Amino acid sequence: MAGEGNVATVERSIELINRGEVEAAVDVLFARDAVDHDPAPGQGPGRPGFLAFFQGLTTGFPDLRMRPRLVTANEDHVSVAFTVSGTHTGPFLDAPPTGRAFRVSGVEVFRFADGRVAERWGLTDDMGILVQLGLVDPPH
């Protein structure tokens, strides 16, 4: 089934990200012209944009870990609820390392075509990351 193969592709890419092999993870997961409907600020298009995003993340957080909590799929979509964590030991968002750790939740929805992600939608608790790193004050 296509859905099971797509889940395996997502799980494999998470394993690669957790090992710091982001280039391999991006190559496994994303089509060259994949569309990100929720890109990070300044993120470029397609596979190169995803690669730059993950390289920046793993530079700032070399111990970055993603842990899937719930994975659902049908023939051409995979959704993942996850926890992501890391320690800020490298530059991130023009901020010098704080040495602080973060742990937040997120959700990703991927549409697959020909075994790779063609479209991505997602949301991660970015404010939670910034607050836990001490880069912004908590909202009141």
N, C-alpha and C. Protein backbone atom coordinates (compact mmCIF):
# COMPACT_ATOMS: atom_id res chain seq x y z
N MET A 1 0.83 -1.19 0.00
CA MET A 1 0.00 0.00 0.00
C MET A 1 0.87 1.25 0.00
N ALA A 2 0.42 2.25 -0.75
CA ALA A 2 1.16 3.51 -0.82
C ALA A 2 1.23 4.18 0.55
N GLY A 3 0.13 4.14 1.31
CA GLY A 3 0.11 4.79 2.62
C GLY A 3 1.17 4.24 3.56
N GLU A 4 1.33 2.91 3.58
CA GLU A 4 2.34 2.30 4.45
C GLU A 4 3.75 2.68 4.01
N GLY A 5 3.99 2.73 2.72
CA GLY A 5 5.29 3.15 2.21
C GLY A 5 5.58 4.60 2.55
N ASN A 6 4.55 5.44 2.50
CA ASN A 6 4.73 6.86 2.84
C ASN A 6 5.04 7.04 4.32
N VAL A 7 4.38 6.27 5.17
CA VAL A 7 4.68 6.31 6.61
C VAL A 7 6.13 5.88 6.84
N ALA A 8 6.56 4.83 6.17
CA ALA A 8 7.94 4.37 6.31
C ALA A 8 8.93 5.44 5.87
N THR A 9 8.59 6.19 4.83
CA THR A 9 9.46 7.28 4.36
C THR A 9 9.55 8.38 5.41
N VAL A 10 8.43 8.75 6.02
CA VAL A 10 8.44 9.77 7.07
C VAL A 10 9.26 9.27 8.26
N GLU A 11 9.04 8.04 8.69
CA GLU A 11 9.78 7.49 9.83
C GLU A 11 11.28 7.44 9.53
N ARG A 12 11.65 7.06 8.33
CA ARG A 12 13.07 7.02 7.94
C ARG A 12 13.68 8.41 7.97
N SER A 13 12.95 9.41 7.48
CA SER A 13 13.49 10.77 7.47
C SER A 13 13.67 11.30 8.89
N ILE A 14 12.77 10.96 9.80
CA ILE A 14 12.91 11.37 11.20
C ILE A 14 14.15 10.73 11.81
N GLU A 15 14.38 9.46 11.53
CA GLU A 15 15.60 8.79 12.02
C GLU A 15 16.85 9.51 11.53
N LEU A 16 16.85 9.88 10.26
CA LEU A 16 18.01 10.57 9.69
C LEU A 16 18.21 11.95 10.32
N ILE A 17 17.12 12.69 10.52
CA ILE A 17 17.22 14.00 11.18
C ILE A 17 17.78 13.83 12.58
N ASN A 18 17.30 12.83 13.31
CA ASN A 18 17.77 12.60 14.67
C ASN A 18 19.25 12.23 14.72
N ARG A 19 19.78 11.72 13.63
CA ARG A 19 21.21 11.41 13.56
C ARG A 19 22.02 12.57 12.98
N GLY A 20 21.34 13.66 12.65
CA GLY A 20 22.03 14.82 12.08
C GLY A 20 22.29 14.72 10.60
N GLU A 21 21.70 13.73 9.95
CA GLU A 21 21.89 13.52 8.51
C GLU A 21 20.76 14.21 7.74
N VAL A 22 20.74 15.56 7.83
CA VAL A 22 19.60 16.29 7.28
C VAL A 22 19.57 16.28 5.76
N GLU A 23 20.71 16.28 5.10
CA GLU A 23 20.69 16.25 3.64
C GLU A 23 20.06 14.95 3.15
N ALA A 24 20.43 13.84 3.76
CA ALA A 24 19.83 12.55 3.39
C ALA A 24 18.34 12.54 3.72
N ALA A 25 17.96 13.11 4.86
CA ALA A 25 16.55 13.14 5.26
C ALA A 25 15.72 13.92 4.26
N VAL A 26 16.22 15.08 3.85
CA VAL A 26 15.50 15.91 2.90
C VAL A 26 15.40 15.21 1.54
N ASP A 27 16.47 14.56 1.12
CA ASP A 27 16.45 13.83 -0.16
C ASP A 27 15.45 12.69 -0.14
N VAL A 28 15.36 11.98 0.99
CA VAL A 28 14.43 10.86 1.13
C VAL A 28 12.98 11.34 1.13
N LEU A 29 12.73 12.46 1.79
CA LEU A 29 11.35 12.87 2.07
C LEU A 29 10.73 13.76 1.00
N PHE A 30 11.44 14.76 0.52
CA PHE A 30 10.81 15.81 -0.28
C PHE A 30 11.09 15.69 -1.77
N ALA A 31 10.06 15.92 -2.58
CA ALA A 31 10.23 16.07 -4.01
C ALA A 31 11.01 17.36 -4.27
N ARG A 32 11.70 17.43 -5.39
CA ARG A 32 12.51 18.62 -5.71
C ARG A 32 11.71 19.91 -5.64
N ASP A 33 10.48 19.86 -6.13
CA ASP A 33 9.66 21.07 -6.19
C ASP A 33 8.56 21.07 -5.12
N ALA A 34 8.78 20.39 -4.01
CA ALA A 34 7.79 20.32 -2.93
C ALA A 34 7.40 21.73 -2.49
N VAL A 35 6.13 21.89 -2.21
CA VAL A 35 5.59 23.18 -1.78
C VAL A 35 5.38 23.16 -0.27
N ASP A 36 5.93 24.16 0.41
CA ASP A 36 5.73 24.31 1.85
C ASP A 36 4.70 25.40 2.06
N HIS A 37 3.52 25.02 2.53
CA HIS A 37 2.44 25.99 2.74
C HIS A 37 2.63 26.79 4.02
N ASP A 38 3.55 26.39 4.88
CA ASP A 38 3.85 27.10 6.12
C ASP A 38 5.36 27.24 6.29
N PRO A 39 6.04 27.92 5.37
CA PRO A 39 7.50 27.99 5.45
C PRO A 39 7.97 28.86 6.61
N ALA A 40 9.17 28.57 7.07
CA ALA A 40 9.80 29.42 8.09
C ALA A 40 10.17 30.75 7.45
N PRO A 41 10.28 31.82 8.24
CA PRO A 41 10.68 33.11 7.67
C PRO A 41 11.99 32.97 6.90
N GLY A 42 11.99 33.46 5.66
CA GLY A 42 13.19 33.42 4.84
C GLY A 42 13.47 32.10 4.17
N GLN A 43 12.62 31.10 4.39
CA GLN A 43 12.84 29.78 3.79
C GLN A 43 12.56 29.85 2.29
N GLY A 44 13.51 29.35 1.50
CA GLY A 44 13.34 29.32 0.06
C GLY A 44 12.44 28.19 -0.37
N PRO A 45 12.13 28.12 -1.67
CA PRO A 45 11.22 27.11 -2.17
C PRO A 45 11.88 25.75 -2.38
N GLY A 46 11.02 24.73 -2.46
CA GLY A 46 11.44 23.39 -2.84
C GLY A 46 12.39 22.73 -1.87
N ARG A 47 13.01 21.67 -2.37
CA ARG A 47 13.94 20.88 -1.56
C ARG A 47 15.08 21.73 -1.00
N PRO A 48 15.66 22.67 -1.78
CA PRO A 48 16.74 23.50 -1.20
C PRO A 48 16.27 24.32 0.01
N GLY A 49 15.03 24.78 -0.01
CA GLY A 49 14.49 25.52 1.13
C GLY A 49 14.36 24.66 2.36
N PHE A 50 13.87 23.43 2.18
CA PHE A 50 13.76 22.50 3.31
C PHE A 50 15.14 22.17 3.86
N LEU A 51 16.10 21.96 2.97
CA LEU A 51 17.46 21.63 3.41
C LEU A 51 18.05 22.77 4.22
N ALA A 52 17.94 24.00 3.73
CA ALA A 52 18.48 25.16 4.47
C ALA A 52 17.81 25.29 5.83
N PHE A 53 16.49 25.05 5.90
CA PHE A 53 15.78 25.13 7.17
C PHE A 53 16.34 24.12 8.17
N PHE A 54 16.44 22.85 7.75
CA PHE A 54 16.92 21.81 8.67
C PHE A 54 18.40 21.99 9.02
N GLN A 55 19.20 22.48 8.09
CA GLN A 55 20.60 22.74 8.41
C GLN A 55 20.71 23.84 9.46
N GLY A 56 19.90 24.88 9.34
CA GLY A 56 19.90 25.94 10.35
C GLY A 56 19.46 25.43 11.71
N LEU A 57 18.46 24.57 11.71
CA LEU A 57 17.96 24.02 12.96
C LEU A 57 19.00 23.14 13.64
N THR A 58 19.66 22.28 12.87
CA THR A 58 20.64 21.38 13.48
C THR A 58 21.96 22.07 13.78
N THR A 59 22.20 23.23 13.18
CA THR A 59 23.36 24.04 13.58
C THR A 59 23.11 24.65 14.95
N GLY A 60 21.92 25.18 15.15
CA GLY A 60 21.57 25.77 16.44
C GLY A 60 21.37 24.75 17.54
N PHE A 61 20.90 23.56 17.14
CA PHE A 61 20.55 22.50 18.09
C PHE A 61 21.14 21.18 17.60
N PRO A 62 22.43 20.96 17.77
CA PRO A 62 23.05 19.74 17.25
C PRO A 62 22.46 18.45 17.82
N ASP A 63 21.85 18.52 18.99
CA ASP A 63 21.24 17.34 19.59
C ASP A 63 19.73 17.27 19.31
N LEU A 64 19.27 17.96 18.28
CA LEU A 64 17.86 18.00 17.93
C LEU A 64 17.29 16.59 17.82
N ARG A 65 16.12 16.38 18.42
CA ARG A 65 15.46 15.09 18.36
C ARG A 65 13.97 15.30 18.12
N MET A 66 13.46 14.56 17.15
CA MET A 66 12.03 14.54 16.89
C MET A 66 11.50 13.18 17.33
N ARG A 67 10.37 13.19 18.02
CA ARG A 67 9.76 11.95 18.49
C ARG A 67 8.30 11.93 18.06
N PRO A 68 7.95 11.08 17.11
CA PRO A 68 6.54 10.98 16.70
C PRO A 68 5.69 10.48 17.87
N ARG A 69 4.54 11.09 18.04
CA ARG A 69 3.61 10.66 19.08
C ARG A 69 2.37 10.01 18.49
N LEU A 70 1.99 10.45 17.29
CA LEU A 70 0.85 9.87 16.60
C LEU A 70 1.08 10.03 15.11
N VAL A 71 0.93 8.95 14.37
CA VAL A 71 1.08 8.97 12.92
C VAL A 71 -0.19 8.37 12.32
N THR A 72 -0.80 9.11 11.40
CA THR A 72 -1.97 8.59 10.68
C THR A 72 -1.72 8.76 9.19
N ALA A 73 -2.35 7.91 8.39
CA ALA A 73 -2.11 7.98 6.95
C ALA A 73 -3.29 7.43 6.18
N ASN A 74 -3.40 7.91 4.95
CA ASN A 74 -4.26 7.28 3.96
C ASN A 74 -3.41 7.09 2.71
N GLU A 75 -4.00 6.90 1.57
CA GLU A 75 -3.22 6.60 0.36
C GLU A 75 -2.15 7.64 0.03
N ASP A 76 -2.47 8.93 0.19
CA ASP A 76 -1.49 9.94 -0.24
C ASP A 76 -1.20 11.03 0.80
N HIS A 77 -1.67 10.86 2.03
CA HIS A 77 -1.37 11.82 3.09
C HIS A 77 -0.83 11.10 4.32
N VAL A 78 0.13 11.74 4.98
CA VAL A 78 0.63 11.27 6.27
C VAL A 78 0.59 12.47 7.21
N SER A 79 0.03 12.27 8.39
CA SER A 79 0.00 13.31 9.43
C SER A 79 0.78 12.80 10.63
N VAL A 80 1.56 13.70 11.23
CA VAL A 80 2.40 13.33 12.36
C VAL A 80 2.25 14.38 13.46
N ALA A 81 1.86 13.94 14.65
CA ALA A 81 1.94 14.77 15.84
C ALA A 81 3.25 14.36 16.51
N PHE A 82 4.08 15.33 16.89
CA PHE A 82 5.41 15.01 17.38
C PHE A 82 5.84 15.93 18.51
N THR A 83 6.88 15.51 19.19
CA THR A 83 7.59 16.33 20.15
C THR A 83 8.98 16.55 19.57
N VAL A 84 9.47 17.77 19.66
CA VAL A 84 10.82 18.09 19.21
C VAL A 84 11.55 18.75 20.37
N SER A 85 12.83 18.41 20.52
CA SER A 85 13.62 18.96 21.62
C SER A 85 15.05 19.18 21.15
N GLY A 86 15.77 20.00 21.90
CA GLY A 86 17.16 20.24 21.59
C GLY A 86 17.76 21.22 22.57
N THR A 87 19.08 21.35 22.50
CA THR A 87 19.82 22.27 23.35
C THR A 87 20.50 23.30 22.47
N HIS A 88 20.31 24.56 22.81
CA HIS A 88 20.78 25.69 22.01
C HIS A 88 22.28 25.91 22.24
N THR A 89 23.09 25.19 21.45
CA THR A 89 24.55 25.29 21.59
C THR A 89 25.22 25.89 20.36
N GLY A 90 24.42 26.30 19.38
CA GLY A 90 24.95 26.94 18.17
C GLY A 90 24.08 28.14 17.83
N PRO A 91 24.48 28.93 16.84
CA PRO A 91 23.68 30.10 16.47
C PRO A 91 22.31 29.70 15.95
N PHE A 92 21.30 30.48 16.32
CA PHE A 92 19.93 30.23 15.90
C PHE A 92 19.20 31.56 15.85
N LEU A 93 18.60 31.89 14.70
CA LEU A 93 17.87 33.15 14.52
C LEU A 93 18.71 34.35 14.94
N ASP A 94 19.95 34.35 14.56
CA ASP A 94 20.88 35.44 14.88
C ASP A 94 21.13 35.59 16.38
N ALA A 95 20.74 34.61 17.18
CA ALA A 95 20.96 34.65 18.62
C ALA A 95 22.14 33.75 18.97
N PRO A 96 23.05 34.25 19.80
CA PRO A 96 24.15 33.38 20.23
C PRO A 96 23.60 32.26 21.11
N PRO A 97 24.34 31.16 21.22
CA PRO A 97 23.87 30.03 22.02
C PRO A 97 23.57 30.43 23.47
N THR A 98 22.45 29.93 23.97
CA THR A 98 22.08 30.19 25.36
C THR A 98 22.43 29.02 26.27
N GLY A 99 22.67 27.84 25.68
CA GLY A 99 22.91 26.64 26.47
C GLY A 99 21.64 26.04 27.05
N ARG A 100 20.50 26.67 26.77
CA ARG A 100 19.23 26.18 27.30
C ARG A 100 18.61 25.14 26.39
N ALA A 101 17.81 24.28 26.97
CA ALA A 101 17.11 23.24 26.22
C ALA A 101 15.65 23.64 26.03
N PHE A 102 15.04 23.07 25.00
CA PHE A 102 13.61 23.26 24.77
C PHE A 102 12.98 21.92 24.45
N ARG A 103 11.67 21.89 24.63
CA ARG A 103 10.86 20.72 24.24
C ARG A 103 9.46 21.23 23.96
N VAL A 104 8.99 21.05 22.73
CA VAL A 104 7.67 21.51 22.32
C VAL A 104 7.00 20.48 21.44
N SER A 105 5.74 20.72 21.14
CA SER A 105 4.97 19.84 20.27
C SER A 105 4.72 20.50 18.93
N GLY A 106 4.38 19.66 17.95
CA GLY A 106 4.04 20.15 16.63
C GLY A 106 3.23 19.13 15.87
N VAL A 107 2.73 19.56 14.71
CA VAL A 107 1.95 18.70 13.84
C VAL A 107 2.38 18.97 12.40
N GLU A 108 2.55 17.92 11.62
CA GLU A 108 2.88 18.02 10.20
C GLU A 108 1.87 17.22 9.41
N VAL A 109 1.48 17.75 8.25
CA VAL A 109 0.63 17.04 7.31
C VAL A 109 1.37 17.06 5.97
N PHE A 110 1.59 15.88 5.42
CA PHE A 110 2.31 15.74 4.16
C PHE A 110 1.38 15.13 3.11
N ARG A 111 1.42 15.69 1.90
CA ARG A 111 0.77 15.04 0.76
C ARG A 111 1.85 14.44 -0.11
N PHE A 112 1.74 13.15 -0.35
CA PHE A 112 2.73 12.43 -1.13
C PHE A 112 2.30 12.29 -2.57
N ALA A 113 3.28 12.29 -3.46
CA ALA A 113 3.10 11.94 -4.87
C ALA A 113 4.37 11.22 -5.31
N ASP A 114 4.22 10.06 -5.89
CA ASP A 114 5.35 9.28 -6.37
C ASP A 114 6.39 9.00 -5.28
N GLY A 115 5.90 8.74 -4.06
CA GLY A 115 6.78 8.32 -2.98
C GLY A 115 7.51 9.42 -2.22
N ARG A 116 7.26 10.68 -2.57
CA ARG A 116 7.90 11.80 -1.86
C ARG A 116 6.86 12.87 -1.55
N VAL A 117 7.19 13.72 -0.59
CA VAL A 117 6.28 14.79 -0.20
C VAL A 117 6.22 15.83 -1.32
N ALA A 118 4.99 16.10 -1.78
CA ALA A 118 4.76 17.14 -2.78
C ALA A 118 4.28 18.43 -2.11
N GLU A 119 3.57 18.30 -0.97
CA GLU A 119 3.09 19.46 -0.23
C GLU A 119 3.20 19.18 1.26
N ARG A 120 3.47 20.27 2.00
CA ARG A 120 3.61 20.16 3.46
C ARG A 120 2.88 21.30 4.13
N TRP A 121 2.14 20.97 5.19
CA TRP A 121 1.53 21.95 6.07
C TRP A 121 2.00 21.59 7.47
N GLY A 122 2.24 22.57 8.32
CA GLY A 122 2.68 22.22 9.66
C GLY A 122 2.68 23.39 10.62
N LEU A 123 2.75 23.03 11.88
CA LEU A 123 2.77 24.03 12.94
C LEU A 123 3.55 23.45 14.12
N THR A 124 4.52 24.22 14.59
CA THR A 124 5.29 23.87 15.77
C THR A 124 5.18 25.03 16.75
N ASP A 125 5.28 24.76 18.03
CA ASP A 125 5.16 25.79 19.05
C ASP A 125 6.44 26.65 19.08
N ASP A 126 6.56 27.52 18.07
CA ASP A 126 7.74 28.38 17.97
C ASP A 126 7.88 29.31 19.17
N MET A 127 6.77 29.86 19.65
CA MET A 127 6.83 30.74 20.82
C MET A 127 7.35 29.97 22.03
N GLY A 128 6.93 28.73 22.18
CA GLY A 128 7.43 27.90 23.28
C GLY A 128 8.94 27.72 23.21
N ILE A 129 9.46 27.54 22.00
CA ILE A 129 10.92 27.41 21.84
C ILE A 129 11.60 28.69 22.31
N LEU A 130 11.14 29.83 21.80
CA LEU A 130 11.77 31.11 22.13
C LEU A 130 11.70 31.42 23.62
N VAL A 131 10.57 31.12 24.25
CA VAL A 131 10.43 31.35 25.70
C VAL A 131 11.37 30.43 26.48
N GLN A 132 11.40 29.15 26.13
CA GLN A 132 12.25 28.21 26.86
C GLN A 132 13.74 28.54 26.69
N LEU A 133 14.11 29.13 25.57
CA LEU A 133 15.50 29.52 25.36
C LEU A 133 15.83 30.85 26.03
N GLY A 134 14.81 31.54 26.54
CA GLY A 134 15.03 32.84 27.17
C GLY A 134 15.22 33.97 26.16
N LEU A 135 14.78 33.76 24.91
CA LEU A 135 14.96 34.77 23.87
C LEU A 135 13.81 35.77 23.84
N VAL A 136 12.66 35.39 24.38
CA VAL A 136 11.51 36.30 24.53
C VAL A 136 10.85 36.02 25.88
N ASP A 137 10.14 37.01 26.38
CA ASP A 137 9.37 36.83 27.62
C ASP A 137 8.10 36.07 27.31
N PRO A 138 7.62 35.29 28.28
CA PRO A 138 6.37 34.57 28.06
C PRO A 138 5.22 35.56 27.85
N PRO A 139 4.24 35.21 27.03
CA PRO A 139 3.08 36.10 26.87
C PRO A 139 2.32 36.20 28.17
N HIS A 140 1.71 37.32 28.36
CA HIS A 140 0.96 37.55 29.61
C HIS A 140 -0.49 37.23 29.45
